[in-house]
Amino acid sequence: MAEVRPLAYVLAPHILFQHRHHADRKIACDAAVSAYTRIEVEDGGELFVREILAPGRVAHGEIFQYEEIDWECDLIYDGRLTVRERYFLRPDNTSIAPLQTPFPAAFFTSCYLITDRCPADHDCWKKVRALNSEKVRLGVTPLIRAGWSIKILTEDSLTMATTCNQLRQELSDPLPELTEAERFQ
């Protein structure tokens, strides 16, 4: 029997920002992205995947100054659709209000953990939920099959990086391989 090791995959943050027209020095908020992620995990397979959405180049004062984000993810486990997630965000309507209400320059992370080594009664989940604070909103929900959805909203990029590292640490008890993942941080 082959050794099965979980796959940890962390995508670079999506950071949209203003486009500068050099000829006339005007600034246009025309940045847009459409991203689709399809993940397939075989029965018994393991996966940790994380995607981060940044509000823009915050240090430049560019916060939610883009045209739109159309962000989709399908997660298929054992041949069956387990997760379908979609965010269609436009700063010119109320779609970003849930992100900005707690934090004006919120960073958002969507994580999926596919494993049977973290049952609902495992101590790691109490520790993960305890990461909530004045600067962090974190939620954990069991998936319909084989895993967990973890959502994180933080007030800034440093808090997001710290929270993601703490999440990795709390999950390392049942999943020590996550501490070895090069792209987890």
Protein backbone atom coordinates (compact mmCIF):
# COMPACT_ATOMS: atom_id res chain seq x y z
CA MET A 1 0.00 0.00 0.00
CA ALA A 2 1.37 3.40 -0.97
CA GLU A 3 1.99 6.02 1.68
CA VAL A 4 -0.60 8.77 1.52
CA ARG A 5 0.55 12.28 2.43
CA PRO A 6 -1.76 15.27 2.51
CA LEU A 7 -1.30 17.93 -0.07
CA ALA A 8 -1.03 21.48 1.26
CA TYR A 9 -1.50 24.10 -1.39
CA VAL A 10 -1.53 27.80 -0.73
CA LEU A 11 -2.18 30.17 -3.57
CA ALA A 12 -0.59 33.62 -3.69
CA PRO A 13 -3.00 36.32 -2.54
CA HIS A 14 -5.28 37.92 -5.11
CA ILE A 15 -4.41 41.64 -4.96
CA LEU A 16 -6.26 43.89 -7.37
CA PHE A 17 -5.25 47.50 -7.76
CA GLN A 18 -5.81 50.61 -9.82
CA HIS A 19 -4.55 50.86 -13.35
CA ARG A 20 -2.60 54.03 -14.02
CA HIS A 21 -2.82 55.53 -17.48
CA HIS A 22 0.66 56.96 -18.02
CA ALA A 23 -0.13 59.26 -20.95
CA ASP A 24 -2.62 61.43 -19.09
CA ARG A 25 -1.74 60.45 -15.49
CA LYS A 26 -5.35 59.50 -14.81
CA ILE A 27 -6.18 56.64 -12.50
CA ALA A 28 -8.85 54.14 -13.46
CA CYS A 29 -10.35 51.50 -11.21
CA ASP A 30 -10.58 48.96 -13.98
CA ALA A 31 -8.77 46.00 -12.46
CA ALA A 32 -10.87 42.86 -12.69
CA VAL A 33 -10.28 39.18 -12.23
CA SER A 34 -12.18 36.05 -12.95
CA ALA A 35 -10.73 32.99 -11.24
CA TYR A 36 -12.01 29.44 -11.24
CA THR A 37 -10.46 26.67 -9.16
CA ARG A 38 -11.50 23.04 -9.55
CA ILE A 39 -10.12 20.60 -7.01
CA GLU A 40 -10.59 16.84 -7.24
CA VAL A 41 -9.70 14.58 -4.31
CA GLU A 42 -10.02 10.81 -4.47
CA ASP A 43 -11.70 8.86 -1.69
CA GLY A 44 -9.22 8.66 1.20
CA GLY A 45 -7.13 11.54 -0.16
CA GLU A 46 -6.18 14.54 1.94
CA LEU A 47 -5.85 18.18 1.06
CA PHE A 48 -5.40 21.58 2.63
CA VAL A 49 -5.93 24.50 0.26
CA ARG A 50 -6.02 28.19 1.06
CA GLU A 51 -6.81 31.24 -1.08
CA ILE A 52 -6.46 34.82 0.14
CA LEU A 53 -8.23 37.88 -1.18
CA ALA A 54 -6.51 41.17 -0.35
CA PRO A 55 -8.46 44.45 -0.49
CA GLY A 56 -5.81 46.01 -2.75
CA ARG A 57 -2.52 47.81 -2.20
CA VAL A 58 -3.45 49.11 1.24
CA ALA A 59 -0.14 50.95 1.78
CA HIS A 60 -0.94 52.98 -1.37
CA GLY A 61 -4.40 53.83 -0.06
CA GLU A 62 -6.00 51.55 -2.65
CA ILE A 63 -8.66 49.71 -0.68
CA PHE A 64 -11.36 47.88 -2.67
CA GLN A 65 -10.59 50.08 -5.69
CA TYR A 66 -11.16 47.62 -8.51
CA GLU A 67 -13.92 46.92 -10.95
CA GLU A 68 -14.88 43.38 -9.95
CA ILE A 69 -13.81 39.99 -8.72
CA ASP A 70 -15.54 36.84 -9.88
CA TRP A 71 -14.02 34.07 -7.76
CA GLU A 72 -15.27 30.48 -7.99
CA CYS A 73 -14.20 27.17 -6.50
CA ASP A 74 -15.55 23.65 -6.97
CA LEU A 75 -14.27 20.88 -4.75
CA ILE A 76 -15.04 17.33 -5.85
CA TYR A 77 -14.49 14.51 -3.38
CA ASP A 78 -14.74 10.89 -4.54
CA GLY A 79 -16.36 12.00 -7.80
CA ARG A 80 -19.10 14.08 -6.12
CA LEU A 81 -19.39 17.83 -5.87
CA THR A 82 -18.81 18.64 -2.20
CA VAL A 83 -18.29 22.42 -2.33
CA ARG A 84 -19.32 25.10 -4.76
CA GLU A 85 -18.26 28.54 -3.65
CA ARG A 86 -18.60 31.80 -5.56
CA TYR A 87 -17.93 35.42 -4.74
CA PHE A 88 -18.85 38.15 -7.17
CA LEU A 89 -17.59 41.37 -5.62
CA ARG A 90 -17.99 44.91 -6.90
CA PRO A 91 -17.06 47.93 -4.78
CA ASP A 92 -19.81 49.97 -6.46
CA ASN A 93 -22.56 47.90 -4.82
CA THR A 94 -23.19 46.22 -1.44
CA SER A 95 -21.35 42.98 -2.25
CA ILE A 96 -18.24 43.95 -0.25
CA ALA A 97 -20.19 45.18 2.78
CA PRO A 98 -19.85 41.83 4.62
CA LEU A 99 -16.06 42.15 4.29
CA GLN A 100 -15.84 45.84 5.19
CA THR A 101 -18.36 45.95 8.03
CA PRO A 102 -16.00 44.56 10.67
CA PHE A 103 -12.79 45.83 9.01
CA PRO A 104 -12.59 48.65 6.40
CA ALA A 105 -9.50 47.08 4.75
CA ALA A 106 -10.39 43.43 5.40
CA PHE A 107 -8.30 40.50 4.20
CA PHE A 108 -10.34 37.35 3.48
CA THR A 109 -9.19 33.74 3.36
CA SER A 110 -11.08 30.67 2.25
CA CYS A 111 -9.61 27.31 3.31
CA TYR A 112 -10.65 23.72 2.78
CA LEU A 113 -9.30 20.81 4.75
CA ILE A 114 -10.07 17.34 3.43
CA THR A 115 -9.13 14.64 5.93
CA ASP A 116 -10.67 12.10 8.27
CA ARG A 117 -7.98 12.74 10.91
CA CYS A 118 -9.79 15.77 12.39
CA PRO A 119 -13.21 14.61 13.60
CA ALA A 120 -15.62 17.20 15.01
CA ASP A 121 -14.69 16.34 18.61
CA HIS A 122 -10.92 16.73 18.09
CA ASP A 123 -9.29 19.27 20.45
CA CYS A 124 -7.76 21.14 17.51
CA TRP A 125 -11.13 22.71 16.63
CA LYS A 126 -11.48 24.39 20.04
CA LYS A 127 -8.00 25.85 19.55
CA VAL A 128 -8.79 26.95 16.00
CA ARG A 129 -12.02 28.65 17.08
CA ALA A 130 -10.10 30.36 19.90
CA LEU A 131 -8.14 32.30 17.24
CA ASN A 132 -11.09 34.71 17.06
CA SER A 133 -10.29 38.15 18.46
CA GLU A 134 -11.03 41.84 17.94
CA LYS A 135 -8.88 41.66 14.79
CA VAL A 136 -9.92 38.18 13.56
CA ARG A 137 -13.24 36.63 12.55
CA LEU A 138 -12.83 32.90 11.95
CA GLY A 139 -15.45 30.27 11.27
CA VAL A 140 -15.22 26.50 10.85
CA THR A 141 -17.95 24.44 9.21
CA PRO A 142 -17.98 20.71 8.45
CA LEU A 143 -18.40 19.87 4.80
CA ILE A 144 -21.09 17.51 3.63
CA ARG A 145 -18.37 14.89 3.10
CA ALA A 146 -14.83 14.38 4.30
CA GLY A 147 -13.67 17.69 5.62
CA TRP A 148 -13.96 21.26 6.73
CA SER A 149 -14.44 24.78 5.42
CA ILE A 150 -12.49 27.47 7.28
CA LYS A 151 -13.13 31.16 6.61
CA ILE A 152 -10.98 33.93 8.03
CA LEU A 153 -11.49 37.68 7.93
CA THR A 154 -8.82 39.95 9.43
CA GLU A 155 -8.26 43.65 9.80
CA ASP A 156 -4.89 43.67 7.93
CA SER A 157 -2.27 41.58 6.16
CA LEU A 158 -0.02 41.07 9.19
CA THR A 159 -2.93 39.77 11.25
CA MET A 160 -3.86 37.44 8.36
CA ALA A 161 -0.31 36.07 8.15
CA THR A 162 -0.18 35.55 11.92
CA THR A 163 -3.59 33.89 11.98
CA CYS A 164 -2.69 31.54 9.10
CA ASN A 165 0.48 30.50 10.92
CA GLN A 166 -1.49 29.92 14.12
CA LEU A 167 -4.03 27.87 12.16
CA ARG A 168 -1.21 25.72 10.80
CA GLN A 169 0.14 25.24 14.32
CA GLU A 170 -3.25 24.22 15.75
CA LEU A 171 -3.85 21.74 12.93
CA SER A 172 -0.35 20.26 13.26
CA ASP A 173 -1.35 17.97 16.12
CA PRO A 174 -3.58 15.76 13.96
CA LEU A 175 -1.75 16.73 10.73
CA PRO A 176 1.98 17.14 11.46
CA GLU A 177 2.70 17.17 7.72
CA LEU A 178 1.24 20.68 7.49
CA THR A 179 4.18 22.12 9.41
CA GLU A 180 6.47 20.73 6.69
CA ALA A 181 4.56 22.29 3.79
CA GLU A 182 6.81 24.84 2.10
CA ARG A 183 3.99 26.97 0.65
CA PHE A 184 1.77 27.02 3.73
CA GLN A 185 3.02 30.35 5.03
